[in-house]
Amino acid sequence: MEARILTWNLWWQFGPWRDRQEAILSTLRNENADIVFLQEVWAQEGGLDQVRWLADELNMHVARTEGPWFDDGVSLGNAILSRWPIIS
């Protein structure tokens, strides 16, 4: 069995992150990786969860670590996206 693997530091919310979201999604689609390791993914308390959104858009399974919640209600962490179920 062969697997295409990609790793990428998404650089948290720096830069024009709304525009970057679509560019990140487009790049991940074009790369067509089977397993993706992501660093500096973020979630807003009660709002957008970057890696969950990417997983849903790409129809992939997700496992993530969640870092501390900052005062502005944002959490920073790492994640794995996979075409196959993640068991543990």
Protein backbone atom coordinates (compact mmCIF):
# COMPACT_ATOMS: atom_id res chain seq x y z
CA MET A 1 0.00 0.00 0.00
CA GLU A 2 1.20 3.50 -0.78
CA ALA A 3 0.09 6.68 0.92
CA ARG A 4 0.58 10.31 -0.01
CA ILE A 5 1.48 12.34 3.10
CA LEU A 6 1.60 16.10 3.55
CA THR A 7 2.60 18.28 6.50
CA TRP A 8 1.86 21.99 6.77
CA ASN A 9 2.11 24.73 9.38
CA LEU A 10 -1.00 26.85 8.76
CA TRP A 11 0.42 29.82 10.65
CA TRP A 12 -2.55 30.35 12.97
CA GLN A 13 -4.68 33.42 12.11
CA PHE A 14 -1.87 35.63 10.87
CA GLY A 15 -2.30 37.42 7.58
CA PRO A 16 -5.65 37.65 5.79
CA TRP A 17 -6.88 34.36 7.26
CA ARG A 18 -10.33 34.41 5.64
CA ASP A 19 -8.74 34.58 2.20
CA ARG A 20 -6.15 32.04 3.28
CA GLN A 21 -8.85 29.53 4.28
CA GLU A 22 -9.97 29.08 0.68
CA ALA A 23 -6.36 28.97 -0.54
CA ILE A 24 -5.50 26.33 2.06
CA LEU A 25 -8.52 24.25 1.03
CA SER A 26 -7.63 24.59 -2.66
CA THR A 27 -4.03 23.53 -2.03
CA LEU A 28 -5.09 20.51 0.02
CA ARG A 29 -7.51 19.44 -2.71
CA ASN A 30 -4.81 19.81 -5.38
CA GLU A 31 -2.23 17.87 -3.36
CA ASN A 32 -4.72 15.02 -2.84
CA ALA A 33 -2.87 13.65 0.20
CA ASP A 34 -4.12 10.58 2.04
CA ILE A 35 -2.84 11.82 5.41
CA VAL A 36 -2.26 15.46 6.32
CA PHE A 37 -0.41 16.65 9.43
CA LEU A 38 -1.34 20.24 10.30
CA GLN A 39 0.30 22.56 12.80
CA GLU A 40 -1.06 25.81 14.24
CA VAL A 41 -4.71 25.10 13.47
CA TRP A 42 -7.19 27.15 15.44
CA ALA A 43 -10.74 27.18 16.72
CA GLN A 44 -12.88 30.02 18.01
CA GLU A 45 -14.94 29.36 21.11
CA GLY A 46 -18.50 28.90 19.84
CA GLY A 47 -17.40 29.67 16.28
CA LEU A 48 -15.28 28.46 13.40
CA ASP A 49 -13.12 25.38 13.91
CA GLN A 50 -10.53 25.55 11.14
CA VAL A 51 -9.59 21.87 11.05
CA ARG A 52 -13.18 20.62 11.40
CA TRP A 53 -14.16 22.87 8.48
CA LEU A 54 -11.27 21.53 6.38
CA ALA A 55 -12.11 17.92 7.28
CA ASP A 56 -15.76 18.43 6.31
CA GLU A 57 -14.86 20.14 3.03
CA LEU A 58 -12.34 17.41 2.15
CA ASN A 59 -14.49 14.54 3.46
CA MET A 60 -11.66 13.36 5.72
CA HIS A 61 -11.44 12.01 9.25
CA VAL A 62 -9.82 14.22 11.87
CA ALA A 63 -7.91 13.93 15.13
CA ARG A 64 -6.65 17.03 16.88
CA THR A 65 -4.87 18.26 19.94
CA GLU A 66 -6.25 21.38 21.46
CA GLY A 67 -3.92 23.87 23.06
CA PRO A 68 -4.87 26.42 25.66
CA TRP A 69 -7.74 28.81 25.11
CA PHE A 70 -6.48 32.38 24.89
CA ASP A 71 -8.28 35.38 26.38
CA ASP A 72 -9.77 36.22 22.97
CA GLY A 73 -11.57 32.83 22.84
CA VAL A 74 -9.20 31.22 20.32
CA SER A 75 -7.41 27.88 20.76
CA LEU A 76 -4.30 26.78 18.88
CA GLY A 77 -3.32 23.16 18.25
CA ASN A 78 -2.23 20.42 15.85
CA ALA A 79 -4.29 18.01 13.78
CA ILE A 80 -4.25 14.99 11.52
CA LEU A 81 -6.60 14.59 8.57
CA SER A 82 -6.94 11.12 7.06
CA ARG A 83 -8.88 9.47 4.25
CA TRP A 84 -9.14 6.45 6.53
CA PRO A 85 -10.73 6.28 9.99
CA ILE A 86 -8.38 7.19 12.82
CA ILE A 87 -8.66 4.45 15.44
CA SER A 88 -6.49 5.83 18.26
